[in-house]
PDB file of N, CA and C in Angstrom:
ATOM      1  N   MET A   1      15.695  -7.725 -20.456  1.00  0.00           N
ATOM      2  CA  MET A   1      14.375  -7.164 -20.644  1.00  0.00           C
ATOM      3  C   MET A   1      14.020  -7.274 -22.126  1.00  0.00           C
ATOM      4  N   SER A   2      12.804  -7.700 -22.387  1.00  0.00           N
ATOM      5  CA  SER A   2      12.390  -7.880 -23.775  1.00  0.00           C
ATOM      6  C   SER A   2      12.141  -6.533 -24.444  1.00  0.00           C
ATOM      7  N   SER A   3      12.176  -6.544 -25.763  1.00  0.00           N
ATOM      8  CA  SER A   3      11.906  -5.308 -26.499  1.00  0.00           C
ATOM      9  C   SER A   3      10.475  -4.847 -26.284  1.00  0.00           C
ATOM     10  N   GLN A   4       9.555  -5.800 -26.040  1.00  0.00           N
ATOM     11  CA  GLN A   4       8.157  -5.448 -25.762  1.00  0.00           C
ATOM     12  C   GLN A   4       8.062  -4.659 -24.451  1.00  0.00           C
ATOM     13  N   HIS A   5       8.803  -5.115 -23.412  1.00  0.00           N
ATOM     14  CA  HIS A   5       8.806  -4.392 -22.147  1.00  0.00           C
ATOM     15  C   HIS A   5       9.452  -3.022 -22.312  1.00  0.00           C
ATOM     16  N   SER A   6      10.547  -2.950 -23.033  1.00  0.00           N
ATOM     17  CA  SER A   6      11.226  -1.671 -23.270  1.00  0.00           C
ATOM     18  C   SER A   6      10.316  -0.689 -23.984  1.00  0.00           C
ATOM     19  N   ALA A   7       9.580  -1.173 -24.979  1.00  0.00           N
ATOM     20  CA  ALA A   7       8.645  -0.305 -25.714  1.00  0.00           C
ATOM     21  C   ALA A   7       7.518   0.153 -24.808  1.00  0.00           C
ATOM     22  N   SER A   8       7.032  -0.721 -23.936  1.00  0.00           N
ATOM     23  CA  SER A   8       5.964  -0.381 -23.011  1.00  0.00           C
ATOM     24  C   SER A   8       6.419   0.695 -22.025  1.00  0.00           C
ATOM     25  N   ILE A   9       7.641   0.540 -21.509  1.00  0.00           N
ATOM     26  CA  ILE A   9       8.203   1.521 -20.580  1.00  0.00           C
ATOM     27  C   ILE A   9       8.391   2.864 -21.275  1.00  0.00           C
ATOM     28  N   ALA A  10       8.911   2.846 -22.480  1.00  0.00           N
ATOM     29  CA  ALA A  10       9.115   4.085 -23.243  1.00  0.00           C
ATOM     30  C   ALA A  10       7.785   4.767 -23.524  1.00  0.00           C
ATOM     31  N   SER A  11       6.775   3.975 -23.860  1.00  0.00           N
ATOM     32  CA  SER A  11       5.445   4.522 -24.130  1.00  0.00           C
ATOM     33  C   SER A  11       4.870   5.193 -22.886  1.00  0.00           C
ATOM     34  N   LEU A  12       5.004   4.546 -21.730  1.00  0.00           N
ATOM     35  CA  LEU A  12       4.519   5.137 -20.480  1.00  0.00           C
ATOM     36  C   LEU A  12       5.274   6.423 -20.165  1.00  0.00           C
ATOM     37  N   ALA A  13       6.580   6.416 -20.326  1.00  0.00           N
ATOM     38  CA  ALA A  13       7.389   7.611 -20.061  1.00  0.00           C
ATOM     39  C   ALA A  13       6.961   8.769 -20.967  1.00  0.00           C
ATOM     40  N   ASP A  14       6.721   8.490 -22.241  1.00  0.00           N
ATOM     41  CA  ASP A  14       6.263   9.530 -23.169  1.00  0.00           C
ATOM     42  C   ASP A  14       4.895  10.067 -22.761  1.00  0.00           C
ATOM     43  N   TYR A  15       3.994   9.182 -22.356  1.00  0.00           N
ATOM     44  CA  TYR A  15       2.655   9.588 -21.939  1.00  0.00           C
ATOM     45  C   TYR A  15       2.726  10.504 -20.722  1.00  0.00           C
ATOM     46  N   ILE A  16       3.521  10.113 -19.734  1.00  0.00           N
ATOM     47  CA  ILE A  16       3.645  10.920 -18.515  1.00  0.00           C
ATOM     48  C   ILE A  16       4.232  12.295 -18.840  1.00  0.00           C
ATOM     49  N   LYS A  17       5.250  12.313 -19.680  1.00  0.00           N
ATOM     50  CA  LYS A  17       5.883  13.587 -20.051  1.00  0.00           C
ATOM     51  C   LYS A  17       4.897  14.484 -20.795  1.00  0.00           C
ATOM     52  N   THR A  18       4.121  13.904 -21.714  1.00  0.00           N
ATOM     53  CA  THR A  18       3.156  14.674 -22.496  1.00  0.00           C
ATOM     54  C   THR A  18       1.996  15.148 -21.623  1.00  0.00           C
ATOM     55  N   LYS A  19       1.443  14.257 -20.822  1.00  0.00           N
ATOM     56  CA  LYS A  19       0.247  14.544 -20.025  1.00  0.00           C
ATOM     57  C   LYS A  19       0.535  15.417 -18.809  1.00  0.00           C
ATOM     58  N   PHE A  20       1.660  15.151 -18.105  1.00  0.00           N
ATOM     59  CA  PHE A  20       1.921  15.812 -16.836  1.00  0.00           C
ATOM     60  C   PHE A  20       3.203  16.652 -16.811  1.00  0.00           C
ATOM     61  N   GLY A  21       4.039  16.513 -17.810  1.00  0.00           N
ATOM     62  CA  GLY A  21       5.287  17.270 -17.842  1.00  0.00           C
ATOM     63  C   GLY A  21       6.449  16.550 -17.187  1.00  0.00           C
ATOM     64  N   LYS A  22       6.186  15.885 -16.077  1.00  0.00           N
ATOM     65  CA  LYS A  22       7.237  15.143 -15.376  1.00  0.00           C
ATOM     66  C   LYS A  22       6.597  14.205 -14.369  1.00  0.00           C
ATOM     67  N   LEU A  23       7.415  13.312 -13.830  1.00  0.00           N
ATOM     68  CA  LEU A  23       6.982  12.380 -12.797  1.00  0.00           C
ATOM     69  C   LEU A  23       7.632  12.811 -11.491  1.00  0.00           C
ATOM     70  N   ASN A  24       6.812  13.111 -10.492  1.00  0.00           N
ATOM     71  CA  ASN A  24       7.341  13.559  -9.206  1.00  0.00           C
ATOM     72  C   ASN A  24       7.633  12.406  -8.257  1.00  0.00           C
ATOM     73  N   ILE A  25       6.754  11.433  -8.222  1.00  0.00           N
ATOM     74  CA  ILE A  25       6.899  10.326  -7.280  1.00  0.00           C
ATOM     75  C   ILE A  25       6.536   9.024  -7.982  1.00  0.00           C
ATOM     76  N   LEU A  26       7.329   7.994  -7.737  1.00  0.00           N
ATOM     77  CA  LEU A  26       7.036   6.668  -8.262  1.00  0.00           C
ATOM     78  C   LEU A  26       7.129   5.677  -7.114  1.00  0.00           C
ATOM     79  N   VAL A  27       6.048   4.931  -6.890  1.00  0.00           N
ATOM     80  CA  VAL A  27       6.045   3.902  -5.856  1.00  0.00           C
ATOM     81  C   VAL A  27       6.178   2.559  -6.557  1.00  0.00           C
ATOM     82  N   ASN A  28       7.276   1.870  -6.302  1.00  0.00           N
ATOM     83  CA  ASN A  28       7.507   0.556  -6.887  1.00  0.00           C
ATOM     84  C   ASN A  28       6.850  -0.468  -5.977  1.00  0.00           C
ATOM     85  N   ASN A  29       5.720  -1.007  -6.414  1.00  0.00           N
ATOM     86  CA  ASN A  29       4.915  -1.882  -5.569  1.00  0.00           C
ATOM     87  C   ASN A  29       4.809  -3.260  -6.211  1.00  0.00           C
ATOM     88  N   ALA A  30       5.646  -4.177  -5.777  1.00  0.00           N
ATOM     89  CA  ALA A  30       5.637  -5.528  -6.334  1.00  0.00           C
ATOM     90  C   ALA A  30       4.577  -6.380  -5.652  1.00  0.00           C
ATOM     91  N   GLY A  31       4.196  -7.446  -6.304  1.00  0.00           N
ATOM     92  CA  GLY A  31       3.223  -8.369  -5.742  1.00  0.00           C
ATOM     93  C   GLY A  31       3.794  -9.770  -5.717  1.00  0.00           C
ATOM     94  N   ILE A  32       2.970 -10.701  -5.294  1.00  0.00           N
ATOM     95  CA  ILE A  32       3.362 -12.104  -5.288  1.00  0.00           C
ATOM     96  C   ILE A  32       2.620 -12.781  -6.423  1.00  0.00           C
ATOM     97  N   ASN A  33       3.343 -13.288  -7.396  1.00  0.00           N
ATOM     98  CA  ASN A  33       2.751 -13.893  -8.579  1.00  0.00           C
ATOM     99  C   ASN A  33       1.935 -15.134  -8.216  1.00  0.00           C
ATOM    100  N   GLY A  34       0.696 -15.158  -8.689  1.00  0.00           N
ATOM    101  CA  GLY A  34      -0.134 -16.334  -8.521  1.00  0.00           C
ATOM    102  C   GLY A  34      -0.842 -16.443  -7.189  1.00  0.00           C
ATOM    103  N   VAL A  35      -0.703 -15.436  -6.326  1.00  0.00           N
ATOM    104  CA  VAL A  35      -1.355 -15.489  -5.021  1.00  0.00           C
ATOM    105  C   VAL A  35      -2.628 -14.662  -5.069  1.00  0.00           C
ATOM    106  N   ILE A  36      -3.694 -15.244  -4.587  1.00  0.00           N
ATOM    107  CA  ILE A  36      -4.960 -14.512  -4.510  1.00  0.00           C
ATOM    108  C   ILE A  36      -5.156 -14.101  -3.061  1.00  0.00           C
ATOM    109  N   VAL A  37      -5.273 -12.792  -2.835  1.00  0.00           N
ATOM    110  CA  VAL A  37      -5.441 -12.268  -1.484  1.00  0.00           C
ATOM    111  C   VAL A  37      -6.904 -11.952  -1.257  1.00  0.00           C
ATOM    112  N   ASP A  38      -7.405 -12.306  -0.099  1.00  0.00           N
ATOM    113  CA  ASP A  38      -8.790 -12.033   0.275  1.00  0.00           C
ATOM    114  C   ASP A  38      -8.996 -10.519   0.363  1.00  0.00           C
ATOM    115  N   ALA A  39      -9.740  -9.959  -0.569  1.00  0.00           N
ATOM    116  CA  ALA A  39      -9.966  -8.511  -0.616  1.00  0.00           C
ATOM    117  C   ALA A  39     -10.664  -8.022   0.640  1.00  0.00           C
ATOM    118  N   GLU A  40     -11.527  -8.836   1.189  1.00  0.00           N
ATOM    119  CA  GLU A  40     -12.237  -8.466   2.422  1.00  0.00           C
ATOM    120  C   GLU A  40     -11.250  -8.279   3.575  1.00  0.00           C
ATOM    121  N   ALA A  41     -10.309  -9.200   3.698  1.00  0.00           N
ATOM    122  CA  ALA A  41      -9.298  -9.090   4.754  1.00  0.00           C
ATOM    123  C   ALA A  41      -8.418  -7.873   4.519  1.00  0.00           C
ATOM    124  N   PHE A  42      -8.064  -7.639   3.273  1.00  0.00           N
ATOM    125  CA  PHE A  42      -7.222  -6.490   2.930  1.00  0.00           C
ATOM    126  C   PHE A  42      -7.900  -5.176   3.285  1.00  0.00           C
ATOM    127  N   ALA A  43      -9.204  -5.112   3.046  1.00  0.00           N
ATOM    128  CA  ALA A  43      -9.944  -3.868   3.258  1.00  0.00           C
ATOM    129  C   ALA A  43     -10.360  -3.662   4.701  1.00  0.00           C
ATOM    130  N   SER A  44     -10.128  -4.626   5.569  1.00  0.00           N
ATOM    131  CA  SER A  44     -10.653  -4.500   6.928  1.00  0.00           C
ATOM    132  C   SER A  44      -9.573  -4.413   7.996  1.00  0.00           C
ATOM    133  N   LEU A  45      -8.479  -3.766   7.697  1.00  0.00           N
ATOM    134  CA  LEU A  45      -7.452  -3.566   8.706  1.00  0.00           C
ATOM    135  C   LEU A  45      -7.886  -2.416   9.601  1.00  0.00           C
ATOM    136  N   ASN A  46      -8.496  -2.753  10.707  1.00  0.00           N
ATOM    137  CA  ASN A  46      -9.095  -1.746  11.578  1.00  0.00           C
ATOM    138  C   ASN A  46      -8.059  -1.006  12.402  1.00  0.00           C
ATOM    139  N   LEU A  47      -8.304   0.290  12.538  1.00  0.00           N
ATOM    140  CA  LEU A  47      -7.522   1.141  13.416  1.00  0.00           C
ATOM    141  C   LEU A  47      -8.390   1.484  14.621  1.00  0.00           C
ATOM    142  N   LYS A  48      -7.919   2.356  15.456  1.00  0.00           N
ATOM    143  CA  LYS A  48      -8.724   2.821  16.585  1.00  0.00           C
ATOM    144  C   LYS A  48      -9.992   3.500  16.068  1.00  0.00           C
ATOM    145  N   ASP A  49     -11.043   3.403  16.814  1.00  0.00           N
ATOM    146  CA  ASP A  49     -12.330   4.025  16.505  1.00  0.00           C
ATOM    147  C   ASP A  49     -12.916   3.559  15.185  1.00  0.00           C
ATOM    148  N   GLY A  50     -12.589   2.337  14.753  1.00  0.00           N
ATOM    149  CA  GLY A  50     -13.225   1.767  13.579  1.00  0.00           C
ATOM    150  C   GLY A  50     -12.751   2.303  12.244  1.00  0.00           C
ATOM    151  N   GLU A  51     -11.705   3.110  12.214  1.00  0.00           N
ATOM    152  CA  GLU A  51     -11.190   3.592  10.940  1.00  0.00           C
ATOM    153  C   GLU A  51     -10.555   2.429  10.187  1.00  0.00           C
ATOM    154  N   VAL A  52     -10.467   2.535   8.889  1.00  0.00           N
ATOM    155  CA  VAL A  52      -9.886   1.470   8.085  1.00  0.00           C
ATOM    156  C   VAL A  52      -8.667   2.018   7.360  1.00  0.00           C
ATOM    157  N   LEU A  53      -7.544   1.327   7.510  1.00  0.00           N
ATOM    158  CA  LEU A  53      -6.280   1.783   6.937  1.00  0.00           C
ATOM    159  C   LEU A  53      -6.325   1.883   5.426  1.00  0.00           C
ATOM    160  N   SER A  54      -6.945   0.931   4.755  1.00  0.00           N
ATOM    161  CA  SER A  54      -6.877   0.907   3.303  1.00  0.00           C
ATOM    162  C   SER A  54      -7.705   1.989   2.628  1.00  0.00           C
ATOM    163  N   LYS A  55      -8.593   2.644   3.347  1.00  0.00           N
ATOM    164  CA  LYS A  55      -9.379   3.717   2.754  1.00  0.00           C
ATOM    165  C   LYS A  55      -8.564   4.996   2.591  1.00  0.00           C
ATOM    166  N   GLY A  56      -7.595   5.227   3.452  1.00  0.00           N
ATOM    167  CA  GLY A  56      -6.728   6.382   3.314  1.00  0.00           C
ATOM    168  C   GLY A  56      -7.360   7.699   3.709  1.00  0.00           C
ATOM    169  N   ASP A  57      -8.539   7.694   4.310  1.00  0.00           N
ATOM    170  CA  ASP A  57      -9.210   8.928   4.687  1.00  0.00           C
ATOM    171  C   ASP A  57      -8.460   9.615   5.825  1.00  0.00           C
ATOM    172  N   LYS A  58      -8.032  10.841   5.602  1.00  0.00           N
ATOM    173  CA  LYS A  58      -7.401  11.672   6.620  1.00  0.00           C
ATOM    174  C   LYS A  58      -6.300  10.938   7.372  1.00  0.00           C
ATOM    175  N   LEU A  59      -5.534  10.169   6.652  1.00  0.00           N
ATOM    176  CA  LEU A  59      -4.436   9.434   7.279  1.00  0.00           C
ATOM    177  C   LEU A  59      -3.208  10.317   7.393  1.00  0.00           C
ATOM    178  N   ALA A  60      -2.435  10.034   8.384  1.00  0.00           N
ATOM    179  CA  ALA A  60      -1.143  10.682   8.532  1.00  0.00           C
ATOM    180  C   ALA A  60      -0.076   9.596   8.533  1.00  0.00           C
ATOM    181  N   GLU A  61       1.117   9.982   8.176  1.00  0.00           N
ATOM    182  CA  GLU A  61       2.215   9.011   8.167  1.00  0.00           C
ATOM    183  C   GLU A  61       2.367   8.350   9.530  1.00  0.00           C
ATOM    184  N   GLU A  62       2.149   9.118  10.589  1.00  0.00           N
ATOM    185  CA  GLU A  62       2.276   8.582  11.939  1.00  0.00           C
ATOM    186  C   GLU A  62       1.272   7.464  12.196  1.00  0.00           C
ATOM    187  N   LYS A  63       0.059   7.599  11.644  1.00  0.00           N
ATOM    188  CA  LYS A  63      -0.970   6.585  11.850  1.00  0.00           C
ATOM    189  C   LYS A  63      -0.599   5.293  11.126  1.00  0.00           C
ATOM    190  N   VAL A  64      -0.043   5.402   9.934  1.00  0.00           N
ATOM    191  CA  VAL A  64       0.413   4.213   9.210  1.00  0.00           C
ATOM    192  C   VAL A  64       1.525   3.539  10.005  1.00  0.00           C
ATOM    193  N   ASP A  65       2.466   4.332  10.507  1.00  0.00           N
ATOM    194  CA  ASP A  65       3.546   3.780  11.331  1.00  0.00           C
ATOM    195  C   ASP A  65       2.990   3.088  12.572  1.00  0.00           C
ATOM    196  N   GLU A  66       1.987   3.705  13.190  1.00  0.00           N
ATOM    197  CA  GLU A  66       1.384   3.132  14.398  1.00  0.00           C
ATOM    198  C   GLU A  66       0.777   1.753  14.110  1.00  0.00           C
ATOM    199  N   VAL A  67       0.076   1.644  13.003  1.00  0.00           N
ATOM    200  CA  VAL A  67      -0.552   0.368  12.652  1.00  0.00           C
ATOM    201  C   VAL A  67       0.502  -0.692  12.364  1.00  0.00           C
ATOM    202  N   VAL A  68       1.507  -0.341  11.588  1.00  0.00           N
ATOM    203  CA  VAL A  68       2.558  -1.311  11.253  1.00  0.00           C
ATOM    204  C   VAL A  68       3.308  -1.737  12.516  1.00  0.00           C
ATOM    205  N   ASN A  69       3.618  -0.789  13.380  1.00  0.00           N
ATOM    206  CA  ASN A  69       4.321  -1.133  14.619  1.00  0.00           C
ATOM    207  C   ASN A  69       3.468  -2.025  15.527  1.00  0.00           C
ATOM    208  N   GLN A  70       2.159  -1.755  15.575  1.00  0.00           N
ATOM    209  CA  GLN A  70       1.270  -2.614  16.366  1.00  0.00           C
ATOM    210  C   GLN A  70       1.230  -4.017  15.779  1.00  0.00           C
ATOM    211  N   PHE A  71       1.190  -4.097  14.451  1.00  0.00           N
ATOM    212  CA  PHE A  71       1.205  -5.404  13.790  1.00  0.00           C
ATOM    213  C   PHE A  71       2.477  -6.173  14.152  1.00  0.00           C
ATOM    214  N   LEU A  72       3.623  -5.509  14.061  1.00  0.00           N
ATOM    215  CA  LEU A  72       4.898  -6.169  14.379  1.00  0.00           C
ATOM    216  C   LEU A  72       4.936  -6.652  15.828  1.00  0.00           C
ATOM    217  N   LYS A  73       4.406  -5.834  16.724  1.00  0.00           N
ATOM    218  CA  LYS A  73       4.330  -6.232  18.135  1.00  0.00           C
ATOM    219  C   LYS A  73       3.454  -7.468  18.294  1.00  0.00           C
ATOM    220  N   ASP A  74       2.307  -7.463  17.627  1.00  0.00           N
ATOM    221  CA  ASP A  74       1.389  -8.596  17.727  1.00  0.00           C
ATOM    222  C   ASP A  74       1.973  -9.860  17.097  1.00  0.00           C
ATOM    223  N   VAL A  75       2.777  -9.709  16.050  1.00  0.00           N
ATOM    224  CA  VAL A  75       3.467 -10.864  15.457  1.00  0.00           C
ATOM    225  C   VAL A  75       4.418 -11.467  16.488  1.00  0.00           C
ATOM    226  N   LYS A  76       5.231 -10.620  17.107  1.00  0.00           N
ATOM    227  CA  LYS A  76       6.214 -11.092  18.085  1.00  0.00           C
ATOM    228  C   LYS A  76       5.541 -11.785  19.263  1.00  0.00           C
ATOM    229  N   GLU A  77       4.345 -11.321  19.628  1.00  0.00           N
ATOM    230  CA  GLU A  77       3.630 -11.885  20.780  1.00  0.00           C
ATOM    231  C   GLU A  77       2.655 -12.990  20.376  1.00  0.00           C
ATOM    232  N   ASP A  78       2.697 -13.391  19.088  1.00  0.00           N
ATOM    233  CA  ASP A  78       1.810 -14.434  18.572  1.00  0.00           C
ATOM    234  C   ASP A  78       0.338 -14.115  18.850  1.00  0.00           C
ATOM    235  N   MET A  79      -0.050 -12.884  18.535  1.00  0.00           N
ATOM    236  CA  MET A  79      -1.403 -12.411  18.832  1.00  0.00           C
ATOM    237  C   MET A  79      -2.192 -12.034  17.575  1.00  0.00           C
ATOM    238  N   LEU A  80      -1.749 -12.471  16.396  1.00  0.00           N
ATOM    239  CA  LEU A  80      -2.430 -12.062  15.165  1.00  0.00           C
ATOM    240  C   LEU A  80      -3.906 -12.435  15.164  1.00  0.00           C
ATOM    241  N   GLU A  81      -4.198 -13.682  15.474  1.00  0.00           N
ATOM    242  CA  GLU A  81      -5.593 -14.122  15.440  1.00  0.00           C
ATOM    243  C   GLU A  81      -6.403 -13.443  16.549  1.00  0.00           C
ATOM    244  N   THR A  82      -5.840 -13.343  17.723  1.00  0.00           N
ATOM    245  CA  THR A  82      -6.523 -12.706  18.853  1.00  0.00           C
ATOM    246  C   THR A  82      -6.847 -11.252  18.555  1.00  0.00           C
ATOM    247  N   LYS A  83      -5.912 -10.553  17.911  1.00  0.00           N
ATOM    248  CA  LYS A  83      -6.106  -9.134  17.613  1.00  0.00           C
ATOM    249  C   LYS A  83      -6.812  -8.902  16.273  1.00  0.00           C
ATOM    250  N   ARG A  84      -7.273  -9.997  15.652  1.00  0.00           N
ATOM    251  CA  ARG A  84      -8.071  -9.964  14.422  1.00  0.00           C
ATOM    252  C   ARG A  84      -7.326  -9.412  13.204  1.00  0.00           C
ATOM    253  N   TRP A  85      -6.027  -9.690  13.119  1.00  0.00           N
ATOM    254  CA  TRP A  85      -5.272  -9.372  11.909  1.00  0.00           C
ATOM    255  C   TRP A  85      -5.567 -10.466  10.888  1.00  0.00           C
ATOM    256  N   PRO A  86      -5.382 -10.174   9.593  1.00  0.00           N
ATOM    257  CA  PRO A  86      -5.526 -11.242   8.589  1.00  0.00           C
ATOM    258  C   PRO A  86      -4.519 -12.351   8.897  1.00  0.00           C
ATOM    259  N   ILE A  87      -4.956 -13.591   8.809  1.00  0.00           N
ATOM    260  CA  ILE A  87      -4.084 -14.713   9.150  1.00  0.00           C
ATOM    261  C   ILE A  87      -3.303 -15.193   7.931  1.00  0.00           C
ATOM    262  N   ASN A  88      -3.966 -15.352   6.792  1.00  0.00           N
ATOM    263  CA  ASN A  88      -3.301 -15.823   5.575  1.00  0.00           C
ATOM    264  C   ASN A  88      -2.491 -14.695   4.950  1.00  0.00           C
ATOM    265  N   LEU A  89      -1.213 -14.941   4.761  1.00  0.00           N
ATOM    266  CA  LEU A  89      -0.288 -13.961   4.165  1.00  0.00           C
ATOM    267  C   LEU A  89      -0.356 -12.620   4.895  1.00  0.00           C
ATOM    268  N   SER A  90      -0.400 -12.648   6.205  1.00  0.00           N
ATOM    269  CA  SER A  90      -0.619 -11.437   6.993  1.00  0.00           C
ATOM    270  C   SER A  90       0.410 -10.344   6.725  1.00  0.00           C
ATOM    271  N   THR A  91       1.686 -10.698   6.631  1.00  0.00           N
ATOM    272  CA  THR A  91       2.689  -9.654   6.388  1.00  0.00           C
ATOM    273  C   THR A  91       2.497  -9.020   5.017  1.00  0.00           C
ATOM    274  N   TYR A  92       2.139  -9.844   4.031  1.00  0.00           N
ATOM    275  CA  TYR A  92       1.883  -9.324   2.688  1.00  0.00           C
ATOM    276  C   TYR A  92       0.676  -8.390   2.688  1.00  0.00           C
ATOM    277  N   VAL A  93      -0.408  -8.811   3.304  1.00  0.00           N
ATOM    278  CA  VAL A  93      -1.637  -8.028   3.320  1.00  0.00           C
ATOM    279  C   VAL A  93      -1.421  -6.692   4.045  1.00  0.00           C
ATOM    280  N   VAL A  94      -0.773  -6.738   5.194  1.00  0.00           N
ATOM    281  CA  VAL A  94      -0.543  -5.515   5.964  1.00  0.00           C
ATOM    282  C   VAL A  94       0.411  -4.577   5.225  1.00  0.00           C
ATOM    283  N   SER A  95       1.462  -5.126   4.634  1.00  0.00           N
ATOM    284  CA  SER A  95       2.407  -4.259   3.920  1.00  0.00           C
ATOM    285  C   SER A  95       1.755  -3.615   2.700  1.00  0.00           C
ATOM    286  N   LYS A  96       0.880  -4.362   1.991  1.00  0.00           N
ATOM    287  CA  LYS A  96       0.177  -3.790   0.841  1.00  0.00           C
ATOM    288  C   LYS A  96      -0.773  -2.682   1.290  1.00  0.00           C
ATOM    289  N   ALA A  97      -1.498  -2.909   2.369  1.00  0.00           N
ATOM    290  CA  ALA A  97      -2.421  -1.889   2.879  1.00  0.00           C
ATOM    291  C   ALA A  97      -1.662  -0.648   3.334  1.00  0.00           C
ATOM    292  N   ALA A  98      -0.527  -0.845   4.010  1.00  0.00           N
ATOM    293  CA  ALA A  98       0.279   0.288   4.466  1.00  0.00           C
ATOM    294  C   ALA A  98       0.837   1.068   3.283  1.00  0.00           C
ATOM    295  N   LEU A  99       1.311   0.363   2.274  1.00  0.00           N
ATOM    296  CA  LEU A  99       1.839   1.036   1.088  1.00  0.00           C
ATOM    297  C   LEU A  99       0.738   1.793   0.351  1.00  0.00           C
ATOM    298  N   LYS A 100      -0.429   1.192   0.263  1.00  0.00           N
ATOM    299  CA  LYS A 100      -1.565   1.857  -0.378  1.00  0.00           C
ATOM    300  C   LYS A 100      -1.943   3.132   0.389  1.00  0.00           C
ATOM    301  N   ALA A 101      -2.019   3.042   1.703  1.00  0.00           N
ATOM    302  CA  ALA A 101      -2.360   4.211   2.518  1.00  0.00           C
ATOM    303  C   ALA A 101      -1.286   5.288   2.386  1.00  0.00           C
ATOM    304  N   TYR A 102      -0.020   4.893   2.459  1.00  0.00           N
ATOM    305  CA  TYR A 102       1.067   5.856   2.356  1.00  0.00           C
ATOM    306  C   TYR A 102       1.098   6.508   0.973  1.00  0.00           C
ATOM    307  N   SER A 103       0.791   5.745  -0.059  1.00  0.00           N
ATOM    308  CA  SER A 103       0.724   6.314  -1.416  1.00  0.00           C
ATOM    309  C   SER A 103      -0.363   7.380  -1.504  1.00  0.00           C
ATOM    310  N   ARG A 104      -1.500   7.127  -0.852  1.00  0.00           N
ATOM    311  CA  ARG A 104      -2.575   8.131  -0.835  1.00  0.00           C
ATOM    312  C   ARG A 104      -2.161   9.380  -0.061  1.00  0.00           C
ATOM    313  N   ILE A 105      -1.420   9.182   1.027  1.00  0.00           N
ATOM    314  CA  ILE A 105      -0.922  10.333   1.784  1.00  0.00           C
ATOM    315  C   ILE A 105      -0.003  11.171   0.900  1.00  0.00           C
ATOM    316  N   LEU A 106       0.916  10.516   0.206  1.00  0.00           N
ATOM    317  CA  LEU A 106       1.823  11.237  -0.688  1.00  0.00           C
ATOM    318  C   LEU A 106       1.089  11.929  -1.814  1.00  0.00           C
ATOM    319  N   ALA A 107       0.087  11.256  -2.366  1.00  0.00           N
ATOM    320  CA  ALA A 107      -0.688  11.855  -3.459  1.00  0.00           C
ATOM    321  C   ALA A 107      -1.385  13.116  -2.993  1.00  0.00           C
ATOM    322  N   THR A 108      -1.941  13.091  -1.794  1.00  0.00           N
ATOM    323  CA  THR A 108      -2.613  14.261  -1.239  1.00  0.00           C
ATOM    324  C   THR A 108      -1.596  15.371  -0.899  1.00  0.00           C
ATOM    325  N   LYS A 109      -0.506  14.949  -0.294  1.00  0.00           N
ATOM    326  CA  LYS A 109       0.535  15.881   0.127  1.00  0.00           C
ATOM    327  C   LYS A 109       1.159  16.618  -1.043  1.00  0.00           C
ATOM    328  N   PHE A 110       1.347  15.919  -2.148  1.00  0.00           N
ATOM    329  CA  PHE A 110       2.040  16.501  -3.296  1.00  0.00           C
ATOM    330  C   PHE A 110       1.124  16.716  -4.491  1.00  0.00           C
ATOM    331  N   LEU A 111      -0.178  16.863  -4.232  1.00  0.00           N
ATOM    332  CA  LEU A 111      -1.169  17.025  -5.302  1.00  0.00           C
ATOM    333  C   LEU A 111      -0.819  18.160  -6.249  1.00  0.00           C
ATOM    334  N   ASN A 112      -0.390  19.267  -5.724  1.00  0.00           N
ATOM    335  CA  ASN A 112      -0.081  20.432  -6.562  1.00  0.00           C
ATOM    336  C   ASN A 112       1.416  20.692  -6.657  1.00  0.00           C
ATOM    337  N   PHE A 113       2.203  19.666  -6.435  1.00  0.00           N
ATOM    338  CA  PHE A 113       3.666  19.789  -6.451  1.00  0.00           C
ATOM    339  C   PHE A 113       4.175  20.068  -7.837  1.00  0.00           C
TER     340      PHE A 113
END
């Protein structure tokens, strides 16, 4: 790790300690370098009754699990296009949306932690 990265990490740690006192939760969310994901596809992962997973409104962990499990089932049955899942980088897009939704659930759950 370069000294520039070490200094950046130390600076962030100092900021968090000063501003918030401590860090309760950290979500390590990696990406794919150089890949451009269609934001429209990412934002349109539909749930039942037209809800959208990436918005995080009134989501429960069970609902995120339900969507991911349905996606996995549709992958196994070769139904991604039929069920209107994103086709390009579908596993990446769905996993990012699920992580984003779950992060919002945790943020709400532990807001005053």
